[in-house]
């Protein structure tokens, strides 16, 4: 599966090989990589080169080193493609309002496409995510994960891979802002209310209603972000 490398900057070839295996699904989320000694022998490189490659893979959020346990794959095949894309398109220094307004262009259209394409199984999955989101609110747990799942699932339902990748990149880049937005109970309740309205519109099969519900949801979040930016 893995083979000897011959490039001058050998660690780059190692990174490329591991990424390729993740993208093809031959290495899956949770799989453990061979240890440094085994990788060094497989690739015919020094252990320092292997460590450099693993560090690069960690930077890309593709693997994780666990003290005393080893190195584990942390990305799915789609994430292996999308995460580097996000890094190449968007940067941390980009204005958060500019990035958020891009979401307002993309996600209403995605909601409309989701309403058009939704299957009974898709709607059931969205309902489960919304229920889990509500459960986390009741238990006073951070709902960021379920919030992300809701938007990512809608993107998949659009049946447009390019839109799906862009939304994944945007949601990931805005993670810190979304964490801050969801801090107060009022904002958490406002977020789940927006998700319920979007879900209802998608269940109705109305593309205009789904677009409108998503835009209203994002407008409310943007207002909070603008207020926060104005105070900082």
Protein backbone atom coordinates (compact mmCIF):
# COMPACT_ATOMS: atom_id res chain seq x y z
CA UNK A 1 0.00 0.00 0.00
CA UNK A 2 2.83 2.39 0.95
CA UNK A 3 6.05 2.46 -1.06
CA UNK A 4 9.60 3.80 -0.97
CA UNK A 5 9.97 7.53 -1.73
CA UNK A 6 12.75 9.16 -3.74
CA UNK A 7 12.01 12.88 -3.71
CA UNK A 8 14.57 15.32 -2.37
CA UNK A 9 12.00 16.64 0.15
CA UNK A 10 10.86 13.15 1.02
CA UNK A 11 8.41 14.20 3.74
CA UNK A 12 6.22 15.87 1.07
CA UNK A 13 5.93 12.57 -0.79
CA UNK A 14 4.94 10.82 2.44
CA UNK A 15 2.25 13.45 3.07
CA UNK A 16 0.98 13.06 -0.50
CA UNK A 17 0.82 9.26 -0.21
CA UNK A 18 -1.07 9.32 3.10
CA UNK A 19 -3.47 11.98 1.83
CA UNK A 20 -4.11 9.94 -1.30
CA UNK A 21 -4.93 6.84 0.75
CA UNK A 22 -7.36 8.85 2.91
CA UNK A 23 -9.02 10.40 -0.15
CA UNK A 24 -9.51 6.95 -1.69
CA UNK A 25 -10.92 5.59 1.58
CA UNK A 26 -8.08 3.08 2.03
CA UNK A 27 -7.19 4.84 5.28
CA UNK A 28 -10.31 5.70 7.28
CA UNK A 29 -11.14 7.92 10.23
CA UNK A 30 -9.84 6.20 13.38
CA UNK A 31 -7.28 4.00 11.62
CA UNK A 32 -3.88 3.88 13.28
CA UNK A 33 -0.77 4.54 11.19
CA UNK A 34 2.28 2.29 11.57
CA UNK A 35 4.81 3.54 14.14
CA UNK A 36 7.76 5.77 13.21
CA UNK A 37 10.19 2.86 12.91
CA UNK A 38 7.88 0.94 10.57
CA UNK A 39 7.15 4.01 8.45
CA UNK A 40 10.86 4.80 8.26
CA UNK A 41 11.59 1.29 6.95
CA UNK A 42 8.65 1.36 4.49
CA UNK A 43 9.55 4.73 3.00
CA UNK A 44 13.34 4.17 3.21
CA UNK A 45 13.83 7.51 4.98
CA UNK A 46 15.05 8.67 8.38
CA UNK A 47 12.71 8.79 11.39
CA UNK A 48 13.16 12.59 11.47
CA UNK A 49 11.71 12.75 7.94
CA UNK A 50 8.77 10.63 9.09
CA UNK A 51 8.22 12.97 12.06
CA UNK A 52 8.27 15.98 9.71
CA UNK A 53 5.64 14.33 7.50
CA UNK A 54 3.40 13.50 10.47
CA UNK A 55 3.70 17.09 11.69
CA UNK A 56 2.57 18.33 8.25
CA UNK A 57 -0.37 15.90 8.29
CA UNK A 58 -1.30 17.16 11.76
CA UNK A 59 -1.20 20.76 10.50
CA UNK A 60 -3.69 19.76 7.81
CA UNK A 61 -5.87 18.14 10.54
CA UNK A 62 -5.62 14.81 8.73
CA UNK A 63 -3.99 12.88 11.59
CA UNK A 64 -3.55 13.19 15.35
CA UNK A 65 -0.66 12.04 17.52
CA UNK A 66 -1.73 10.59 20.87
CA UNK A 67 0.88 10.41 23.59
CA UNK A 68 1.79 6.80 24.28
CA UNK A 69 -0.73 5.46 21.76
CA UNK A 70 0.41 6.38 18.26
CA UNK A 71 -0.83 8.37 15.27
CA UNK A 72 -4.46 8.12 14.12
CA UNK A 73 -6.31 9.24 11.00
CA UNK A 74 -8.72 12.06 11.91
CA UNK A 75 -10.22 12.93 8.51
CA UNK A 76 -12.69 11.20 6.24
CA UNK A 77 -12.05 10.86 2.51
CA UNK A 78 -14.07 14.03 1.78
CA UNK A 79 -12.35 16.02 4.52
CA UNK A 80 -8.96 15.07 3.10
CA UNK A 81 -9.97 16.91 -0.07
CA UNK A 82 -11.89 19.79 1.50
CA UNK A 83 -9.58 20.87 4.33
CA UNK A 84 -6.63 21.80 2.07
CA UNK A 85 -9.15 23.53 -0.23
CA UNK A 86 -10.41 25.62 2.69
CA UNK A 87 -6.86 26.60 3.59
CA UNK A 88 -6.06 27.62 0.01
CA UNK A 89 -9.23 29.71 -0.53
CA UNK A 90 -9.75 31.34 2.86
CA UNK A 91 -7.33 32.79 5.38
CA UNK A 92 -7.69 33.57 9.08
CA UNK A 93 -7.04 37.27 8.38
CA UNK A 94 -10.01 37.52 6.00
CA UNK A 95 -12.75 39.82 7.28
CA UNK A 96 -15.32 37.72 9.14
CA UNK A 97 -18.23 39.82 7.85
CA UNK A 98 -17.08 39.34 4.24
CA UNK A 99 -16.86 35.59 4.78
CA UNK A 100 -20.25 35.48 6.49
CA UNK A 101 -21.92 37.39 3.68
CA UNK A 102 -20.63 34.76 1.29
CA UNK A 103 -22.58 32.24 3.35
CA UNK A 104 -25.68 34.40 2.81
CA UNK A 105 -25.20 34.07 -0.94
CA UNK A 106 -24.58 30.32 -0.92
CA UNK A 107 -26.72 28.82 1.83
CA UNK A 108 -30.19 30.10 0.85
CA UNK A 109 -29.61 28.49 -2.56
CA UNK A 110 -28.45 25.32 -0.83
CA UNK A 111 -31.60 25.29 1.31
CA UNK A 112 -33.71 25.66 -1.82
CA UNK A 113 -31.91 22.77 -3.53
CA UNK A 114 -32.28 20.68 -0.37
CA UNK A 115 -36.05 21.31 -0.39
CA UNK A 116 -36.17 20.20 -4.02
CA UNK A 117 -34.03 17.08 -3.57
CA UNK A 118 -34.88 15.96 -0.01
CA UNK A 119 -35.73 12.30 0.45
CA UNK A 120 -37.62 10.89 3.43
CA UNK A 121 -34.27 9.62 4.75
CA UNK A 122 -32.68 13.07 4.39
CA UNK A 123 -35.52 14.71 6.32
CA UNK A 124 -35.32 12.06 9.02
CA UNK A 125 -31.60 12.76 9.41
CA UNK A 126 -32.24 16.51 9.73
CA UNK A 127 -34.93 15.84 12.33
CA UNK A 128 -32.50 13.72 14.36
CA UNK A 129 -29.88 16.50 14.22
CA UNK A 130 -32.40 19.12 15.37
CA UNK A 131 -33.57 16.83 18.20
CA UNK A 132 -29.95 16.27 19.28
CA UNK A 133 -29.34 20.03 19.13
CA UNK A 134 -32.35 20.62 21.40
CA UNK A 135 -31.18 17.86 23.76
CA UNK A 136 -27.75 19.50 24.06
CA UNK A 137 -29.41 22.82 24.91
CA UNK A 138 -31.49 21.19 27.66
CA UNK A 139 -28.36 19.52 29.06
CA UNK A 140 -26.48 22.85 28.78
CA UNK A 141 -23.88 21.36 26.48
CA UNK A 142 -22.13 23.14 23.60
CA UNK A 143 -24.37 22.77 20.49
CA UNK A 144 -21.63 23.75 18.00
CA UNK A 145 -21.21 20.22 16.66
CA UNK A 146 -24.91 19.71 15.92
CA UNK A 147 -25.11 23.23 14.46
CA UNK A 148 -22.31 22.32 12.04
CA UNK A 149 -23.95 18.98 11.23
CA UNK A 150 -27.20 20.73 10.31
CA UNK A 151 -25.56 23.04 7.77
CA UNK A 152 -23.26 20.32 6.41
CA UNK A 153 -26.18 17.92 5.95
CA UNK A 154 -28.14 20.56 4.06
CA UNK A 155 -25.13 21.07 1.79
CA UNK A 156 -25.02 17.34 1.03
CA UNK A 157 -28.75 17.37 0.30
CA UNK A 158 -28.16 20.02 -2.37
CA UNK A 159 -26.51 17.26 -4.46
CA UNK A 160 -23.86 19.77 -5.53
CA UNK A 161 -20.35 18.73 -4.51
CA UNK A 162 -18.82 22.16 -5.16
CA UNK A 163 -21.37 23.91 -2.92
CA UNK A 164 -20.88 21.22 -0.30
CA UNK A 165 -17.12 21.80 -0.23
CA UNK A 166 -17.47 25.58 -0.08
CA UNK A 167 -19.92 25.42 2.82
CA UNK A 168 -17.68 22.98 4.69
CA UNK A 169 -14.76 25.37 4.24
CA UNK A 170 -16.78 28.40 5.36
CA UNK A 171 -18.29 26.71 8.42
CA UNK A 172 -14.86 25.43 9.45
CA UNK A 173 -13.23 28.83 9.02
CA UNK A 174 -15.97 30.57 11.02
CA UNK A 175 -15.77 28.06 13.89
CA UNK A 176 -14.40 30.58 16.40
CA UNK A 177 -17.02 33.20 15.48
CA UNK A 178 -19.78 30.60 15.72
CA UNK A 179 -18.55 29.53 19.15
CA UNK A 180 -18.79 33.14 20.32
CA UNK A 181 -22.21 33.62 18.73
CA UNK A 182 -23.62 30.55 20.52
CA UNK A 183 -22.38 31.58 23.98
CA UNK A 184 -25.61 33.00 25.42
CA UNK A 185 -28.81 31.03 26.03
CA UNK A 186 -30.86 33.53 24.00
CA UNK A 187 -28.62 33.08 20.97
CA UNK A 188 -28.68 29.29 21.31
CA UNK A 189 -32.49 29.34 21.35
CA UNK A 190 -32.53 31.71 18.37
CA UNK A 191 -30.26 29.36 16.43
CA UNK A 192 -32.38 26.26 17.05
CA UNK A 193 -35.55 28.20 16.20
CA UNK A 194 -34.00 29.08 12.84
CA UNK A 195 -33.11 25.46 12.21
CA UNK A 196 -36.69 24.37 12.99
CA UNK A 197 -38.07 26.88 10.47
CA UNK A 198 -35.63 25.72 7.79
CA UNK A 199 -36.52 22.09 8.48
CA UNK A 200 -40.26 22.85 8.23
CA UNK A 201 -39.75 24.61 4.89
CA UNK A 202 -37.73 21.70 3.52
CA UNK A 203 -40.35 19.20 4.69
CA UNK A 204 -42.97 21.23 2.81
CA UNK A 205 -40.89 20.91 -0.36
CA UNK A 206 -41.07 24.66 -0.98
CA UNK A 207 -37.82 26.01 -2.42
CA UNK A 208 -38.79 29.71 -1.90
CA UNK A 209 -39.78 29.03 1.72
CA UNK A 210 -36.52 27.18 2.38
CA UNK A 211 -34.44 30.00 0.88
CA UNK A 212 -36.36 32.59 2.92
CA UNK A 213 -36.01 30.63 6.18
CA UNK A 214 -32.26 30.22 5.68
CA UNK A 215 -31.76 33.89 4.82
CA UNK A 216 -33.70 34.98 7.92
CA UNK A 217 -31.64 32.59 10.04
CA UNK A 218 -28.35 33.98 8.68
CA UNK A 219 -29.58 37.59 8.95
CA UNK A 220 -30.17 37.10 12.66
CA UNK A 221 -26.70 35.68 13.20
CA UNK A 222 -25.08 38.42 11.11
CA UNK A 223 -26.79 41.12 13.22
CA UNK A 224 -25.20 39.64 16.34
CA UNK A 225 -21.78 39.43 14.68
CA UNK A 226 -21.96 43.03 13.44
CA UNK A 227 -22.94 44.22 16.94
CA UNK A 228 -20.01 42.32 18.45
CA UNK A 229 -17.55 43.62 15.86
CA UNK A 230 -18.77 47.17 16.54
CA UNK A 231 -18.04 46.81 20.24
CA UNK A 232 -14.57 45.34 19.78
